[in-house]
C-alpha atoms as a PDB file:
ATOM      1  CA  MET A   1      -0.101  -0.091  -0.001  1.00  0.00           C
ATOM      2  CA  ALA A   2       1.022   3.818  -0.439  1.00  0.00           C
ATOM      3  CA  THR A   3       2.615   5.234   2.491  1.00  0.00           C
ATOM      4  CA  GLU A   4       0.838   8.469   3.958  1.00  0.00           C
ATOM      5  CA  GLU A   5       3.098  10.873   2.482  1.00  0.00           C
ATOM      6  CA  ASN A   6       2.474   9.061  -1.233  1.00  0.00           C
ATOM      7  CA  LEU A   7      -1.202   9.271  -0.568  1.00  0.00           C
ATOM      8  CA  LYS A   8      -0.817  13.092   0.224  1.00  0.00           C
ATOM      9  CA  ILE A   9       1.349  13.553  -2.828  1.00  0.00           C
ATOM     10  CA  ILE A  10      -1.366  12.055  -5.339  1.00  0.00           C
ATOM     11  CA  GLY A  11      -4.052  13.732  -3.542  1.00  0.00           C
ATOM     12  CA  LYS A  12      -6.032  10.282  -2.430  1.00  0.00           C
ATOM     13  CA  CYS A  13      -7.440   8.788   0.464  1.00  0.00           C
ATOM     14  CA  PRO A  14      -7.585   4.853   0.992  1.00  0.00           C
ATOM     15  CA  ALA A  15     -11.786   5.370   0.863  1.00  0.00           C
ATOM     16  CA  CYS A  16     -11.500   6.254  -2.363  1.00  0.00           C
ATOM     17  CA  GLN A  17     -13.087   4.064  -4.849  1.00  0.00           C
ATOM     18  CA  GLY A  18     -14.324   3.524  -9.189  1.00  0.00           C
ATOM     19  CA  PRO A  19     -13.235   7.106 -10.525  1.00  0.00           C
ATOM     20  CA  ASP A  20     -10.892   8.571  -7.815  1.00  0.00           C
ATOM     21  CA  ARG A  21      -8.665   5.134  -8.436  1.00  0.00           C
ATOM     22  CA  ARG A  22      -8.791   6.070 -11.996  1.00  0.00           C
ATOM     23  CA  GLU A  23      -7.524   9.363 -11.068  1.00  0.00           C
ATOM     24  CA  ALA A  24      -5.271   8.064  -8.468  1.00  0.00           C
ATOM     25  CA  VAL A  25      -3.575   6.200 -11.159  1.00  0.00           C
ATOM     26  CA  ARG A  26      -3.081   9.160 -13.253  1.00  0.00           C
ATOM     27  CA  LYS A  27      -1.467  11.520 -10.793  1.00  0.00           C
ATOM     28  CA  ALA A  28       1.113   8.374  -9.955  1.00  0.00           C
ATOM     29  CA  ALA A  29       1.922   8.013 -13.025  1.00  0.00           C
ATOM     30  CA  VAL A  30       2.314  11.697 -13.852  1.00  0.00           C
ATOM     31  CA  THR A  31       4.312  12.038 -10.605  1.00  0.00           C
ATOM     32  CA  LEU A  32       6.774   8.963 -11.350  1.00  0.00           C
ATOM     33  CA  PHE A  33       7.148   9.482 -15.169  1.00  0.00           C
ATOM     34  CA  ALA A  34       8.457  12.800 -14.413  1.00  0.00           C
ATOM     35  CA  LYS A  35      10.850  11.581 -11.712  1.00  0.00           C
ATOM     36  CA  LYS A  36      12.170   8.687 -13.078  1.00  0.00           C
ATOM     37  CA  GLY A  37      10.821   8.600 -17.132  1.00  0.00           C
ATOM     38  CA  PHE A  38       8.405   6.419 -18.590  1.00  0.00           C
ATOM     39  CA  HIS A  39      10.415   3.544 -19.501  1.00  0.00           C
ATOM     40  CA  ALA A  40      12.260   3.290 -16.122  1.00  0.00           C
ATOM     41  CA  THR A  41       8.802   3.186 -14.445  1.00  0.00           C
ATOM     42  CA  SER A  42       6.725  -0.175 -13.955  1.00  0.00           C
ATOM     43  CA  THR A  43       3.281  -0.515 -13.470  1.00  0.00           C
ATOM     44  CA  ALA A  44       3.897  -1.825  -9.952  1.00  0.00           C
ATOM     45  CA  GLU A  45       5.553   1.345  -9.172  1.00  0.00           C
ATOM     46  CA  VAL A  46       2.457   3.522 -10.073  1.00  0.00           C
ATOM     47  CA  ALA A  47      -0.007   0.897  -8.246  1.00  0.00           C
ATOM     48  CA  LYS A  48       1.999   1.368  -4.772  1.00  0.00           C
ATOM     49  CA  LEU A  49       1.860   5.062  -5.049  1.00  0.00           C
ATOM     50  CA  ALA A  50      -1.765   4.813  -6.119  1.00  0.00           C
ATOM     51  CA  GLY A  51      -2.447   2.924  -3.449  1.00  0.00           C
ATOM     52  CA  VAL A  52      -4.099   0.548  -5.522  1.00  0.00           C
ATOM     53  CA  SER A  53      -3.482  -3.182  -6.991  1.00  0.00           C
ATOM     54  CA  GLU A  54      -1.825  -3.492 -10.399  1.00  0.00           C
ATOM     55  CA  GLY A  55      -4.755  -5.097 -11.706  1.00  0.00           C
ATOM     56  CA  THR A  56      -6.622  -1.444 -11.083  1.00  0.00           C
ATOM     57  CA  ILE A  57      -3.918  -0.121 -13.966  1.00  0.00           C
ATOM     58  CA  PHE A  58      -4.842  -2.823 -16.348  1.00  0.00           C
ATOM     59  CA  TYR A  59      -8.490  -2.580 -15.804  1.00  0.00           C
ATOM     60  CA  TYR A  60      -8.435   1.084 -16.322  1.00  0.00           C
ATOM     61  CA  PHE A  61      -5.953   1.512 -18.677  1.00  0.00           C
ATOM     62  CA  GLY A  62      -5.085  -1.885 -20.270  1.00  0.00           C
ATOM     63  CA  SER A  63      -1.302  -0.944 -20.407  1.00  0.00           C
ATOM     64  CA  LYS A  64       1.397   1.491 -19.169  1.00  0.00           C
ATOM     65  CA  GLU A  65       1.492   3.130 -22.240  1.00  0.00           C
ATOM     66  CA  GLY A  66      -2.616   3.293 -22.093  1.00  0.00           C
ATOM     67  CA  ILE A  67      -1.959   5.316 -19.047  1.00  0.00           C
ATOM     68  CA  LEU A  68       0.231   7.842 -21.270  1.00  0.00           C
ATOM     69  CA  LEU A  69      -2.326   7.574 -24.081  1.00  0.00           C
ATOM     70  CA  ASP A  70      -5.058   8.621 -21.807  1.00  0.00           C
ATOM     71  CA  LEU A  71      -2.877  11.548 -20.243  1.00  0.00           C
ATOM     72  CA  LEU A  72      -2.390  12.773 -24.009  1.00  0.00           C
ATOM     73  CA  SER A  73      -6.302  12.475 -24.462  1.00  0.00           C
ATOM     74  CA  GLU A  74      -7.114  14.624 -21.760  1.00  0.00           C
ATOM     75  CA  VAL A  75      -4.617  17.198 -23.127  1.00  0.00           C
ATOM     76  CA  ASN A  76      -5.714  17.087 -26.347  1.00  0.00           C
ATOM     77  CA  LEU A  77      -9.962  17.597 -25.578  1.00  0.00           C
ATOM     78  CA  LYS A  78      -8.864  20.114 -23.183  1.00  0.00           C
ATOM     79  CA  TYR A  79      -6.456  21.796 -25.894  1.00  0.00           C
ATOM     80  CA  ARG A  80      -8.904  21.504 -28.549  1.00  0.00           C
ATOM     81  CA  GLN A  81     -11.827  23.243 -26.151  1.00  0.00           C
ATOM     82  CA  ARG A  82     -10.345  26.018 -24.691  1.00  0.00           C
ATOM     83  CA  MET A  83      -8.909  26.675 -28.373  1.00  0.00           C
ATOM     84  CA  ALA A  84     -12.304  26.778 -29.795  1.00  0.00           C
ATOM     85  CA  LYS A  85     -13.335  29.339 -27.080  1.00  0.00           C
ATOM     86  CA  VAL A  86     -10.371  31.630 -28.006  1.00  0.00           C
ATOM     87  CA  LEU A  87     -10.886  31.116 -32.136  1.00  0.00           C
ATOM     88  CA  GLU A  88     -14.649  32.213 -31.738  1.00  0.00           C
ATOM     89  CA  LYS A  89     -13.998  35.740 -30.125  1.00  0.00           C
ATOM     90  CA  ALA A  90     -11.180  36.614 -33.077  1.00  0.00           C
ATOM     91  CA  PRO A  91     -12.932  39.192 -35.101  1.00  0.00           C
ATOM     92  CA  ASP A  92     -11.605  37.255 -38.179  1.00  0.00           C
ATOM     93  CA  GLY A  93     -10.105  33.908 -39.479  1.00  0.00           C
ATOM     94  CA  LEU A  94      -6.309  35.239 -39.809  1.00  0.00           C
ATOM     95  CA  SER A  95      -6.687  36.927 -36.462  1.00  0.00           C
ATOM     96  CA  ALA A  96      -8.365  33.322 -35.025  1.00  0.00           C
ATOM     97  CA  VAL A  97      -4.943  31.635 -36.434  1.00  0.00           C
ATOM     98  CA  LEU A  98      -3.069  33.999 -34.936  1.00  0.00           C
ATOM     99  CA  ALA A  99      -4.896  33.756 -31.856  1.00  0.00           C
ATOM    100  CA  GLY A 100      -4.737  30.316 -32.094  1.00  0.00           C
ATOM    101  CA  VAL A 101      -0.877  30.051 -32.278  1.00  0.00           C
ATOM    102  CA  GLU A 102      -0.657  32.371 -29.145  1.00  0.00           C
ATOM    103  CA  PHE A 103      -2.985  29.865 -27.096  1.00  0.00           C
ATOM    104  CA  HIS A 104      -0.877  26.933 -27.850  1.00  0.00           C
ATOM    105  CA  PHE A 105       2.429  28.435 -26.412  1.00  0.00           C
ATOM    106  CA  LYS A 106       0.062  29.834 -23.651  1.00  0.00           C
ATOM    107  CA  GLN A 107      -0.947  26.186 -23.140  1.00  0.00           C
ATOM    108  CA  VAL A 108       2.973  24.876 -23.509  1.00  0.00           C
ATOM    109  CA  ARG A 109       3.801  27.323 -20.774  1.00  0.00           C
ATOM    110  CA  GLN A 110       1.337  26.668 -18.018  1.00  0.00           C
ATOM    111  CA  HIS A 111       1.415  22.700 -18.482  1.00  0.00           C
ATOM    112  CA  SER A 112       4.708  22.280 -19.175  1.00  0.00           C
ATOM    113  CA  ARG A 113       5.222  19.249 -16.522  1.00  0.00           C
ATOM    114  CA  LEU A 114       2.862  17.375 -18.366  1.00  0.00           C
ATOM    115  CA  LEU A 115       3.276  18.215 -21.808  1.00  0.00           C
ATOM    116  CA  THR A 116       7.486  17.652 -21.080  1.00  0.00           C
ATOM    117  CA  LEU A 117       6.712  14.052 -20.271  1.00  0.00           C
ATOM    118  CA  LEU A 118       4.507  13.258 -23.010  1.00  0.00           C
ATOM    119  CA  VAL A 119       6.920  14.829 -25.514  1.00  0.00           C
ATOM    120  CA  ARG A 120       9.480  13.366 -23.752  1.00  0.00           C
ATOM    121  CA  ASP A 121       8.730   9.609 -23.397  1.00  0.00           C
ATOM    122  CA  LEU A 122       5.369   8.999 -25.842  1.00  0.00           C
ATOM    123  CA  PRO A 123       6.981   5.902 -27.014  1.00  0.00           C
ATOM    124  CA  ALA A 124       8.180   6.114 -31.118  1.00  0.00           C
ATOM    125  CA  SER A 125       6.750   2.499 -31.326  1.00  0.00           C
ATOM    126  CA  LEU A 126       3.121   4.201 -30.775  1.00  0.00           C
ATOM    127  CA  GLY A 127       3.572   5.551 -33.802  1.00  0.00           C
ATOM    128  CA  ARG A 128       4.639   3.067 -36.301  1.00  0.00           C
ATOM    129  CA  GLY A 129       2.548  -0.028 -37.989  1.00  0.00           C
ATOM    130  CA  GLU A 130      -1.218  -0.221 -38.145  1.00  0.00           C
ATOM    131  CA  SER A 131      -2.381  -0.585 -34.572  1.00  0.00           C
ATOM    132  CA  GLU A 132      -4.709   0.956 -32.187  1.00  0.00           C
ATOM    133  CA  PRO A 133      -2.388   3.320 -30.813  1.00  0.00           C
ATOM    134  CA  ARG A 134      -1.639   4.882 -34.263  1.00  0.00           C
ATOM    135  CA  GLU A 135      -5.251   5.219 -34.995  1.00  0.00           C
ATOM    136  CA  PHE A 136      -5.421   6.837 -31.876  1.00  0.00           C
ATOM    137  CA  MET A 137      -2.570   9.420 -32.416  1.00  0.00           C
ATOM    138  CA  ARG A 138      -4.370  10.123 -36.110  1.00  0.00           C
ATOM    139  CA  ARG A 139      -7.306  10.581 -34.462  1.00  0.00           C
ATOM    140  CA  GLN A 140      -6.657  13.164 -32.489  1.00  0.00           C
ATOM    141  CA  THR A 141      -4.294  14.843 -34.704  1.00  0.00           C
ATOM    142  CA  ALA A 142      -7.162  15.341 -37.018  1.00  0.00           C
ATOM    143  CA  LEU A 143      -9.209  16.864 -34.692  1.00  0.00           C
ATOM    144  CA  ILE A 144      -6.769  19.348 -33.900  1.00  0.00           C
ATOM    145  CA  LEU A 145      -6.207  19.895 -37.328  1.00  0.00           C
ATOM    146  CA  GLU A 146     -10.100  20.593 -38.189  1.00  0.00           C
ATOM    147  CA  VAL A 147     -10.019  23.472 -35.608  1.00  0.00           C
ATOM    148  CA  MET A 148      -6.644  25.429 -37.705  1.00  0.00           C
ATOM    149  CA  CYS A 149      -8.666  24.566 -40.646  1.00  0.00           C
ATOM    150  CA  GLN A 150     -12.238  26.113 -39.579  1.00  0.00           C
ATOM    151  CA  SER A 151     -10.208  29.257 -39.043  1.00  0.00           C
ATOM    152  CA  LEU A 152      -8.580  29.081 -42.115  1.00  0.00           C
ATOM    153  CA  ARG A 153     -11.453  28.518 -43.988  1.00  0.00           C
ATOM    154  CA  ARG A 154     -13.193  31.675 -42.275  1.00  0.00           C
ATOM    155  CA  GLY A 155     -10.332  33.727 -43.027  1.00  0.00           C
ATOM    156  CA  GLN A 156     -10.602  33.214 -47.067  1.00  0.00           C
ATOM    157  CA  GLU A 157     -14.156  33.565 -46.932  1.00  0.00           C
ATOM    158  CA  ASP A 158     -13.790  37.181 -45.283  1.00  0.00           C
ATOM    159  CA  GLY A 159     -10.786  37.827 -47.079  1.00  0.00           C
ATOM    160  CA  SER A 160      -8.512  38.070 -44.289  1.00  0.00           C
ATOM    161  CA  VAL A 161      -6.514  34.399 -45.878  1.00  0.00           C
ATOM    162  CA  ALA A 162      -5.550  34.093 -49.165  1.00  0.00           C
ATOM    163  CA  ALA A 163      -7.912  32.700 -50.983  1.00  0.00           C
ATOM    164  CA  ASP A 164      -5.205  30.545 -53.078  1.00  0.00           C
ATOM    165  CA  LEU A 165      -4.245  28.464 -50.360  1.00  0.00           C
ATOM    166  CA  PRO A 166      -4.807  24.808 -49.763  1.00  0.00           C
ATOM    167  CA  VAL A 167      -6.470  24.586 -46.576  1.00  0.00           C
ATOM    168  CA  MET A 168      -5.360  21.391 -45.343  1.00  0.00           C
ATOM    169  CA  GLU A 169      -1.905  21.729 -46.246  1.00  0.00           C
ATOM    170  CA  THR A 170      -1.598  25.100 -44.859  1.00  0.00           C
ATOM    171  CA  ALA A 171      -3.395  23.853 -41.100  1.00  0.00           C
ATOM    172  CA  LEU A 172      -0.653  20.916 -41.877  1.00  0.00           C
ATOM    173  CA  LEU A 173       2.474  23.077 -41.883  1.00  0.00           C
ATOM    174  CA  ILE A 174       1.395  25.292 -39.105  1.00  0.00           C
ATOM    175  CA  ARG A 175       0.638  22.372 -36.959  1.00  0.00           C
ATOM    176  CA  SER A 176       4.368  21.014 -37.688  1.00  0.00           C
ATOM    177  CA  LEU A 177       5.648  24.325 -36.861  1.00  0.00           C
ATOM    178  CA  LEU A 178       4.002  24.775 -33.453  1.00  0.00           C
ATOM    179  CA  ILE A 179       5.084  20.901 -32.710  1.00  0.00           C
ATOM    180  CA  GLY A 180       8.169  21.404 -33.426  1.00  0.00           C
ATOM    181  CA  ALA A 181       8.936  24.585 -31.589  1.00  0.00           C
ATOM    182  CA  THR A 182       7.202  23.144 -28.698  1.00  0.00           C
ATOM    183  CA  ARG A 183       9.660  20.039 -28.691  1.00  0.00           C
ATOM    184  CA  LEU A 184      12.601  22.445 -28.722  1.00  0.00           C
ATOM    185  CA  LEU A 185      10.876  24.584 -25.855  1.00  0.00           C
ATOM    186  CA  LEU A 186      10.104  21.950 -23.497  1.00  0.00           C
ATOM    187  CA  LEU A 187      12.996  19.730 -24.055  1.00  0.00           C
ATOM    188  CA  LYS A 188      15.617  22.970 -24.177  1.00  0.00           C
ATOM    189  CA  LEU A 189      17.334  21.600 -27.318  1.00  0.00           C
ATOM    190  CA  ALA A 190      17.741  25.165 -28.833  1.00  0.00           C
ATOM    191  CA  PRO A 191      18.268  28.924 -27.191  1.00  0.00           C
ATOM    192  CA  GLU A 192      15.197  30.446 -25.355  1.00  0.00           C
ATOM    193  CA  VAL A 193      13.993  32.644 -28.336  1.00  0.00           C
ATOM    194  CA  ASP A 194      10.716  34.711 -28.867  1.00  0.00           C
ATOM    195  CA  TYR A 195       8.614  31.647 -30.142  1.00  0.00           C
ATOM    196  CA  VAL A 196       5.500  33.423 -29.919  1.00  0.00           C
ATOM    197  CA  GLY A 197       6.361  36.486 -31.491  1.00  0.00           C
ATOM    198  CA  GLN A 198       8.382  34.709 -34.472  1.00  0.00           C
ATOM    199  CA  ALA A 199       5.658  31.944 -34.626  1.00  0.00           C
ATOM    200  CA  VAL A 200       2.735  34.979 -35.004  1.00  0.00           C
ATOM    201  CA  GLY A 201       4.680  36.690 -37.478  1.00  0.00           C
ATOM    202  CA  PHE A 202       5.475  34.282 -39.872  1.00  0.00           C
ATOM    203  CA  CYS A 203       2.029  32.880 -40.158  1.00  0.00           C
ATOM    204  CA  ARG A 204       0.619  36.455 -40.609  1.00  0.00           C
ATOM    205  CA  ARG A 205       3.206  37.250 -43.616  1.00  0.00           C
ATOM    206  CA  ALA A 206       2.625  33.498 -44.896  1.00  0.00           C
ATOM    207  CA  LEU A 207      -1.304  33.511 -44.720  1.00  0.00           C
ATOM    208  CA  ALA A 208      -2.429  37.312 -45.253  1.00  0.00           C
ATOM    209  CA  PRO A 209      -3.368  37.972 -49.206  1.00  0.00           C
ATOM    210  CA  CYS A 210      -0.903  39.559 -51.416  1.00  0.00           C
ATOM    211  CA  PRO A 211      -1.592  43.743 -51.749  1.00  0.00           C
END
């Protein structure tokens, strides 16, 4: 069983049942993955810190990779919901895209701990081959891209985005820019620069109609 100190860390009491046990596993996993790394952490260690049986992990998540995918799913869901609200307030399509870029980096700063372990530890093997994890990642990517595509289409309709730009390809390029910058930022692989200002300026120049 988890010690009193560990229970305090993950915010779980011994009487917790059902959904609380699931959340306890998630919190314990984040704590251990951040401290030791995904590969160096066992499901037994996660279960011990969460104060549950190891079978509870397999019941709710199927595997250790399942915990990581569950965390990623929640991050993406909240990301899309919050971004949609930000974009709705923008006066035109181009402003919506630029607001989305600013929002992205704000989220990265606010949730750097969780995002760092996801960027660092999401196993590369999950993205190879025709598998359920691969399909999961495809669905998540498609949902986020659609949010960006909606803003680009809106911009082409209101004249703030160049009409001849291919929407999906442009959304993919913007998303790739954000993902790449996020990895550099979180993993400290490059000097600290004004990612927000540079990304916003780049997108503004690339998307605006020619004068």
